[in-house]
């Protein structure tokens, strides 16, 4: 019996991680986990429960309280917090503005990394896990590590489309660059490319081309095992 395949897909916002990861998982019959949604979920819980997200001690002390459950079906991934569907609330501007600060707290990362490793180890066929520190910290022994990149302009254009005109492309680009700096500069599990990751620049590629590229890389890994 073939052992489960574990695929780590990292990279900054707007590189196409979510769309790519879900499609690759669906195409290959694998589970799927969006770790960014988990960080958004715990941030939303903090904001909803009056925790001062700028106070790292307060965030650390509250980090074990919410019950976060991620569904790993790529066609319809779900996330609940204390039994409540959080898929909509976690995508608000308020959560986006606070998630980097909450994510930088070591206790939060320890808590969620535990959930992420449990999800990976319990996926029967294997799993595609997307985030910012999957190949470096969460799953350093992943079968395949991908690091997606794209120009800041391309990422801002894509993200502005997702936000449906909520802010200008330039404002989106400024926010992305600021978040990149925060995520890359944090002490605990910063956004970084693993030494053995394959970098895929998506600036000039269509989504289908990126998906095909990664599916091919996975199939090559499987064949070599």
C-alpha atoms as a PDB file:
ATOM      1  CA  UNK A   1       0.000   0.000   0.000  1.00  0.00           C
ATOM      2  CA  UNK A   2       1.309   3.423  -0.984  1.00  0.00           C
ATOM      3  CA  UNK A   3       2.182   5.654   1.964  1.00  0.00           C
ATOM      4  CA  UNK A   4       0.258   8.954   2.265  1.00  0.00           C
ATOM      5  CA  UNK A   5       1.739  11.902   0.375  1.00  0.00           C
ATOM      6  CA  UNK A   6       2.250  15.089   2.387  1.00  0.00           C
ATOM      7  CA  UNK A   7       2.516  18.290   0.347  1.00  0.00           C
ATOM      8  CA  UNK A   8       3.538  21.596   1.947  1.00  0.00           C
ATOM      9  CA  UNK A   9       2.663  24.746   0.001  1.00  0.00           C
ATOM     10  CA  UNK A  10       4.020  27.974   1.468  1.00  0.00           C
ATOM     11  CA  UNK A  11       4.232  31.562   0.308  1.00  0.00           C
ATOM     12  CA  UNK A  12       2.948  35.061   0.965  1.00  0.00           C
ATOM     13  CA  UNK A  13      -0.602  36.305   0.377  1.00  0.00           C
ATOM     14  CA  UNK A  14      -1.868  36.617  -3.172  1.00  0.00           C
ATOM     15  CA  UNK A  15       0.361  33.985  -4.767  1.00  0.00           C
ATOM     16  CA  UNK A  16      -2.566  31.636  -5.388  1.00  0.00           C
ATOM     17  CA  UNK A  17      -1.907  29.260  -2.482  1.00  0.00           C
ATOM     18  CA  UNK A  18      -5.529  28.524  -1.599  1.00  0.00           C
ATOM     19  CA  UNK A  19      -6.897  28.073  -5.120  1.00  0.00           C
ATOM     20  CA  UNK A  20      -3.894  25.973  -6.106  1.00  0.00           C
ATOM     21  CA  UNK A  21      -3.837  23.840  -2.960  1.00  0.00           C
ATOM     22  CA  UNK A  22      -7.556  23.032  -3.071  1.00  0.00           C
ATOM     23  CA  UNK A  23      -7.444  22.121  -6.766  1.00  0.00           C
ATOM     24  CA  UNK A  24      -4.333  19.967  -6.422  1.00  0.00           C
ATOM     25  CA  UNK A  25      -5.843  18.115  -3.447  1.00  0.00           C
ATOM     26  CA  UNK A  26      -9.129  17.546  -5.295  1.00  0.00           C
ATOM     27  CA  UNK A  27      -7.370  16.327  -8.435  1.00  0.00           C
ATOM     28  CA  UNK A  28      -5.248  13.796  -6.542  1.00  0.00           C
ATOM     29  CA  UNK A  29      -7.853  12.663  -3.994  1.00  0.00           C
ATOM     30  CA  UNK A  30      -5.998  14.194  -1.046  1.00  0.00           C
ATOM     31  CA  UNK A  31      -7.200  16.066   2.021  1.00  0.00           C
ATOM     32  CA  UNK A  32      -6.649  19.820   2.257  1.00  0.00           C
ATOM     33  CA  UNK A  33      -5.819  22.151   5.141  1.00  0.00           C
ATOM     34  CA  UNK A  34      -5.754  25.951   5.108  1.00  0.00           C
ATOM     35  CA  UNK A  35      -3.613  26.856   8.119  1.00  0.00           C
ATOM     36  CA  UNK A  36      -4.133  30.569   7.492  1.00  0.00           C
ATOM     37  CA  UNK A  37      -7.832  30.062   8.197  1.00  0.00           C
ATOM     38  CA  UNK A  38      -6.915  28.627  11.599  1.00  0.00           C
ATOM     39  CA  UNK A  39      -4.864  31.716  12.468  1.00  0.00           C
ATOM     40  CA  UNK A  40      -7.741  33.878  11.273  1.00  0.00           C
ATOM     41  CA  UNK A  41     -10.155  31.798  13.360  1.00  0.00           C
ATOM     42  CA  UNK A  42      -8.223  32.224  16.589  1.00  0.00           C
ATOM     43  CA  UNK A  43      -7.824  35.946  15.811  1.00  0.00           C
ATOM     44  CA  UNK A  44     -11.585  36.292  15.246  1.00  0.00           C
ATOM     45  CA  UNK A  45     -12.231  34.522  18.551  1.00  0.00           C
ATOM     46  CA  UNK A  46      -9.856  36.915  20.360  1.00  0.00           C
ATOM     47  CA  UNK A  47     -11.550  39.968  18.848  1.00  0.00           C
ATOM     48  CA  UNK A  48     -15.034  38.579  19.578  1.00  0.00           C
ATOM     49  CA  UNK A  49     -14.148  37.857  23.205  1.00  0.00           C
ATOM     50  CA  UNK A  50     -12.575  41.182  24.050  1.00  0.00           C
ATOM     51  CA  UNK A  51      -8.964  40.025  24.126  1.00  0.00           C
ATOM     52  CA  UNK A  52      -6.544  42.882  23.398  1.00  0.00           C
ATOM     53  CA  UNK A  53      -4.720  41.500  20.357  1.00  0.00           C
ATOM     54  CA  UNK A  54      -1.874  43.986  20.836  1.00  0.00           C
ATOM     55  CA  UNK A  55      -1.169  42.445  24.269  1.00  0.00           C
ATOM     56  CA  UNK A  56       0.858  39.298  23.559  1.00  0.00           C
ATOM     57  CA  UNK A  57       0.505  38.052  27.140  1.00  0.00           C
ATOM     58  CA  UNK A  58      -3.285  38.316  26.956  1.00  0.00           C
ATOM     59  CA  UNK A  59      -3.304  36.516  23.613  1.00  0.00           C
ATOM     60  CA  UNK A  60      -0.992  33.807  24.973  1.00  0.00           C
ATOM     61  CA  UNK A  61      -3.166  33.268  28.041  1.00  0.00           C
ATOM     62  CA  UNK A  62      -6.322  32.907  25.934  1.00  0.00           C
ATOM     63  CA  UNK A  63      -4.800  30.791  23.146  1.00  0.00           C
ATOM     64  CA  UNK A  64      -5.901  27.430  24.546  1.00  0.00           C
ATOM     65  CA  UNK A  65      -9.555  28.425  25.019  1.00  0.00           C
ATOM     66  CA  UNK A  66     -11.237  28.304  21.586  1.00  0.00           C
ATOM     67  CA  UNK A  67     -12.092  24.928  20.059  1.00  0.00           C
ATOM     68  CA  UNK A  68     -11.051  25.127  16.407  1.00  0.00           C
ATOM     69  CA  UNK A  69     -12.042  22.354  13.993  1.00  0.00           C
ATOM     70  CA  UNK A  70     -11.023  22.324  10.328  1.00  0.00           C
ATOM     71  CA  UNK A  71     -12.809  20.213   7.740  1.00  0.00           C
ATOM     72  CA  UNK A  72     -10.307  18.875   5.198  1.00  0.00           C
ATOM     73  CA  UNK A  73     -12.526  18.127   2.180  1.00  0.00           C
ATOM     74  CA  UNK A  74     -10.993  20.229  -0.656  1.00  0.00           C
ATOM     75  CA  UNK A  75     -14.317  20.738  -2.442  1.00  0.00           C
ATOM     76  CA  UNK A  76     -15.788  22.344   0.657  1.00  0.00           C
ATOM     77  CA  UNK A  77     -13.322  23.033   3.458  1.00  0.00           C
ATOM     78  CA  UNK A  78     -14.958  24.164   6.685  1.00  0.00           C
ATOM     79  CA  UNK A  79     -13.807  25.821   9.884  1.00  0.00           C
ATOM     80  CA  UNK A  80     -15.698  26.124  13.143  1.00  0.00           C
ATOM     81  CA  UNK A  81     -14.861  27.891  16.381  1.00  0.00           C
ATOM     82  CA  UNK A  82     -16.617  26.548  19.474  1.00  0.00           C
ATOM     83  CA  UNK A  83     -19.033  24.787  17.130  1.00  0.00           C
ATOM     84  CA  UNK A  84     -19.910  27.948  15.161  1.00  0.00           C
ATOM     85  CA  UNK A  85     -19.236  28.276  11.423  1.00  0.00           C
ATOM     86  CA  UNK A  86     -16.457  30.850  11.141  1.00  0.00           C
ATOM     87  CA  UNK A  87     -15.760  30.715   7.399  1.00  0.00           C
ATOM     88  CA  UNK A  88     -17.387  34.102   6.750  1.00  0.00           C
ATOM     89  CA  UNK A  89     -16.411  36.108   9.854  1.00  0.00           C
ATOM     90  CA  UNK A  90     -12.703  35.243   9.581  1.00  0.00           C
ATOM     91  CA  UNK A  91     -12.408  37.042   6.222  1.00  0.00           C
ATOM     92  CA  UNK A  92     -13.299  40.517   7.502  1.00  0.00           C
ATOM     93  CA  UNK A  93     -10.920  43.475   7.271  1.00  0.00           C
ATOM     94  CA  UNK A  94     -10.785  43.630  11.075  1.00  0.00           C
ATOM     95  CA  UNK A  95      -9.445  40.071  11.281  1.00  0.00           C
ATOM     96  CA  UNK A  96      -7.024  40.652   8.397  1.00  0.00           C
ATOM     97  CA  UNK A  97      -5.591  43.689  10.188  1.00  0.00           C
ATOM     98  CA  UNK A  98      -5.018  41.757  13.431  1.00  0.00           C
ATOM     99  CA  UNK A  99      -3.952  38.288  12.278  1.00  0.00           C
ATOM    100  CA  UNK A 100      -0.211  38.983  11.946  1.00  0.00           C
ATOM    101  CA  UNK A 101       0.014  40.210  15.562  1.00  0.00           C
ATOM    102  CA  UNK A 102      -1.871  37.187  16.894  1.00  0.00           C
ATOM    103  CA  UNK A 103       0.109  34.781  14.681  1.00  0.00           C
ATOM    104  CA  UNK A 104       3.385  36.093  16.082  1.00  0.00           C
ATOM    105  CA  UNK A 105       2.562  34.900  19.625  1.00  0.00           C
ATOM    106  CA  UNK A 106       4.507  31.640  20.251  1.00  0.00           C
ATOM    107  CA  UNK A 107       1.710  30.041  22.309  1.00  0.00           C
ATOM    108  CA  UNK A 108      -0.732  30.551  19.443  1.00  0.00           C
ATOM    109  CA  UNK A 109       1.652  28.929  16.968  1.00  0.00           C
ATOM    110  CA  UNK A 110       2.356  26.003  19.300  1.00  0.00           C
ATOM    111  CA  UNK A 111      -1.375  25.390  19.723  1.00  0.00           C
ATOM    112  CA  UNK A 112      -2.187  25.525  16.014  1.00  0.00           C
ATOM    113  CA  UNK A 113       0.892  23.628  14.837  1.00  0.00           C
ATOM    114  CA  UNK A 114      -0.326  20.771  17.039  1.00  0.00           C
ATOM    115  CA  UNK A 115      -3.700  20.819  15.271  1.00  0.00           C
ATOM    116  CA  UNK A 116      -2.014  20.986  11.870  1.00  0.00           C
ATOM    117  CA  UNK A 117       0.277  18.027  12.515  1.00  0.00           C
ATOM    118  CA  UNK A 118      -2.664  15.996  13.825  1.00  0.00           C
ATOM    119  CA  UNK A 119      -4.618  16.718  10.641  1.00  0.00           C
ATOM    120  CA  UNK A 120      -1.670  15.685   8.461  1.00  0.00           C
ATOM    121  CA  UNK A 121      -1.038  12.457  10.352  1.00  0.00           C
ATOM    122  CA  UNK A 122      -4.697  11.401  10.170  1.00  0.00           C
ATOM    123  CA  UNK A 123      -5.244  11.984   6.429  1.00  0.00           C
ATOM    124  CA  UNK A 124      -5.668   8.487   4.917  1.00  0.00           C
ATOM    125  CA  UNK A 125      -4.417   9.212   1.376  1.00  0.00           C
ATOM    126  CA  UNK A 126      -2.323  12.227   2.256  1.00  0.00           C
ATOM    127  CA  UNK A 127      -2.878  15.970   2.444  1.00  0.00           C
ATOM    128  CA  UNK A 128      -2.012  19.316   0.885  1.00  0.00           C
ATOM    129  CA  UNK A 129      -1.278  21.832   3.644  1.00  0.00           C
ATOM    130  CA  UNK A 130      -0.938  25.510   2.794  1.00  0.00           C
ATOM    131  CA  UNK A 131       0.499  28.271   4.915  1.00  0.00           C
ATOM    132  CA  UNK A 132       3.637  30.227   5.654  1.00  0.00           C
ATOM    133  CA  UNK A 133       5.768  27.865   7.746  1.00  0.00           C
ATOM    134  CA  UNK A 134       4.599  24.405   6.679  1.00  0.00           C
ATOM    135  CA  UNK A 135       7.814  23.225   5.015  1.00  0.00           C
ATOM    136  CA  UNK A 136      10.093  24.848   7.588  1.00  0.00           C
ATOM    137  CA  UNK A 137       8.273  24.222  10.889  1.00  0.00           C
ATOM    138  CA  UNK A 138       4.968  22.349  10.746  1.00  0.00           C
ATOM    139  CA  UNK A 139       5.857  19.465   8.399  1.00  0.00           C
ATOM    140  CA  UNK A 140       9.638  19.535   7.836  1.00  0.00           C
ATOM    141  CA  UNK A 141       9.526  15.926   6.574  1.00  0.00           C
ATOM    142  CA  UNK A 142       6.828  16.598   3.939  1.00  0.00           C
ATOM    143  CA  UNK A 143       7.015  14.495   0.766  1.00  0.00           C
ATOM    144  CA  UNK A 144       7.127  17.639  -1.359  1.00  0.00           C
ATOM    145  CA  UNK A 145       7.619  21.296  -0.440  1.00  0.00           C
ATOM    146  CA  UNK A 146       6.505  24.093  -2.737  1.00  0.00           C
ATOM    147  CA  UNK A 147       7.134  27.805  -2.195  1.00  0.00           C
ATOM    148  CA  UNK A 148       4.855  29.987  -4.317  1.00  0.00           C
ATOM    149  CA  UNK A 149       5.959  33.508  -5.192  1.00  0.00           C
ATOM    150  CA  UNK A 150       4.661  36.324  -7.396  1.00  0.00           C
ATOM    151  CA  UNK A 151       5.440  39.992  -7.905  1.00  0.00           C
ATOM    152  CA  UNK A 152       3.867  42.391  -5.412  1.00  0.00           C
ATOM    153  CA  UNK A 153       1.895  43.964  -8.272  1.00  0.00           C
ATOM    154  CA  UNK A 154       0.435  40.650  -9.426  1.00  0.00           C
ATOM    155  CA  UNK A 155      -0.451  39.638  -5.879  1.00  0.00           C
ATOM    156  CA  UNK A 156      -2.156  42.974  -5.180  1.00  0.00           C
ATOM    157  CA  UNK A 157      -4.165  42.746  -8.408  1.00  0.00           C
ATOM    158  CA  UNK A 158      -5.383  39.235  -7.515  1.00  0.00           C
ATOM    159  CA  UNK A 159      -6.213  40.127  -3.934  1.00  0.00           C
ATOM    160  CA  UNK A 160      -8.081  43.283  -5.018  1.00  0.00           C
ATOM    161  CA  UNK A 161     -10.220  41.076  -7.231  1.00  0.00           C
ATOM    162  CA  UNK A 162     -11.022  38.867  -4.237  1.00  0.00           C
ATOM    163  CA  UNK A 163     -11.918  41.942  -2.167  1.00  0.00           C
ATOM    164  CA  UNK A 164     -14.228  43.088  -4.994  1.00  0.00           C
ATOM    165  CA  UNK A 165     -13.139  46.714  -5.050  1.00  0.00           C
ATOM    166  CA  UNK A 166     -13.170  47.204  -1.280  1.00  0.00           C
ATOM    167  CA  UNK A 167      -9.888  49.086  -1.628  1.00  0.00           C
ATOM    168  CA  UNK A 168      -7.554  50.221  -4.409  1.00  0.00           C
ATOM    169  CA  UNK A 169      -4.897  47.937  -5.888  1.00  0.00           C
ATOM    170  CA  UNK A 170      -2.204  50.239  -4.473  1.00  0.00           C
ATOM    171  CA  UNK A 171      -3.711  50.125  -0.984  1.00  0.00           C
ATOM    172  CA  UNK A 172      -3.919  46.334  -1.261  1.00  0.00           C
ATOM    173  CA  UNK A 173      -0.286  46.168  -2.387  1.00  0.00           C
ATOM    174  CA  UNK A 174       0.830  48.357   0.531  1.00  0.00           C
ATOM    175  CA  UNK A 175      -1.049  46.102   2.969  1.00  0.00           C
ATOM    176  CA  UNK A 176       0.476  42.950   1.452  1.00  0.00           C
ATOM    177  CA  UNK A 177       4.012  44.336   1.658  1.00  0.00           C
ATOM    178  CA  UNK A 178       3.422  45.336   5.279  1.00  0.00           C
ATOM    179  CA  UNK A 179       2.110  41.878   6.136  1.00  0.00           C
ATOM    180  CA  UNK A 180       5.029  40.195   4.345  1.00  0.00           C
ATOM    181  CA  UNK A 181       7.426  42.182   6.503  1.00  0.00           C
ATOM    182  CA  UNK A 182       5.568  41.244   9.682  1.00  0.00           C
ATOM    183  CA  UNK A 183       5.345  37.557   8.775  1.00  0.00           C
ATOM    184  CA  UNK A 184       8.954  37.313   7.588  1.00  0.00           C
ATOM    185  CA  UNK A 185      10.315  39.237  10.562  1.00  0.00           C
ATOM    186  CA  UNK A 186       8.586  37.472  13.434  1.00  0.00           C
ATOM    187  CA  UNK A 187      10.793  35.438  15.767  1.00  0.00           C
ATOM    188  CA  UNK A 188       8.613  32.329  15.872  1.00  0.00           C
ATOM    189  CA  UNK A 189       8.226  30.368  12.611  1.00  0.00           C
ATOM    190  CA  UNK A 190       8.668  33.241  10.169  1.00  0.00           C
ATOM    191  CA  UNK A 191       7.507  33.108   6.569  1.00  0.00           C
ATOM    192  CA  UNK A 192      10.481  31.503   4.844  1.00  0.00           C
ATOM    193  CA  UNK A 193      11.321  29.147   2.005  1.00  0.00           C
ATOM    194  CA  UNK A 194      12.584  25.753   3.177  1.00  0.00           C
ATOM    195  CA  UNK A 195      16.020  24.825   1.841  1.00  0.00           C
ATOM    196  CA  UNK A 196      14.565  21.822   0.016  1.00  0.00           C
ATOM    197  CA  UNK A 197      11.446  23.575  -1.314  1.00  0.00           C
ATOM    198  CA  UNK A 198      10.821  24.052  -5.034  1.00  0.00           C
ATOM    199  CA  UNK A 199      10.044  27.687  -5.832  1.00  0.00           C
ATOM    200  CA  UNK A 200       7.248  28.334  -8.324  1.00  0.00           C
ATOM    201  CA  UNK A 201       6.817  31.933  -9.527  1.00  0.00           C
ATOM    202  CA  UNK A 202       3.134  32.368 -10.408  1.00  0.00           C
ATOM    203  CA  UNK A 203       3.393  35.961 -11.707  1.00  0.00           C
ATOM    204  CA  UNK A 204       2.949  35.033 -15.370  1.00  0.00           C
ATOM    205  CA  UNK A 205       1.229  31.674 -14.959  1.00  0.00           C
ATOM    206  CA  UNK A 206      -2.484  30.906 -15.100  1.00  0.00           C
ATOM    207  CA  UNK A 207      -4.034  29.013 -12.200  1.00  0.00           C
ATOM    208  CA  UNK A 208      -4.352  25.911 -14.397  1.00  0.00           C
ATOM    209  CA  UNK A 209      -0.647  26.088 -15.253  1.00  0.00           C
ATOM    210  CA  UNK A 210       0.340  26.307 -11.578  1.00  0.00           C
ATOM    211  CA  UNK A 211      -1.931  23.377 -10.696  1.00  0.00           C
ATOM    212  CA  UNK A 212      -0.530  21.256 -13.516  1.00  0.00           C
ATOM    213  CA  UNK A 213       3.031  22.076 -12.482  1.00  0.00           C
ATOM    214  CA  UNK A 214       2.471  20.981  -8.883  1.00  0.00           C
ATOM    215  CA  UNK A 215       0.473  17.857  -9.801  1.00  0.00           C
ATOM    216  CA  UNK A 216       3.362  16.817 -12.057  1.00  0.00           C
ATOM    217  CA  UNK A 217       5.894  17.387  -9.252  1.00  0.00           C
ATOM    218  CA  UNK A 218       3.805  15.279  -6.854  1.00  0.00           C
ATOM    219  CA  UNK A 219       3.401  12.461  -9.367  1.00  0.00           C
ATOM    220  CA  UNK A 220       7.171  12.474  -9.989  1.00  0.00           C
ATOM    221  CA  UNK A 221       7.782  12.192  -6.230  1.00  0.00           C
ATOM    222  CA  UNK A 222       5.302   9.321  -5.967  1.00  0.00           C
ATOM    223  CA  UNK A 223       6.929   7.488  -8.861  1.00  0.00           C
ATOM    224  CA  UNK A 224      10.374   7.819  -7.297  1.00  0.00           C
ATOM    225  CA  UNK A 225       9.346   6.367  -3.931  1.00  0.00           C
END
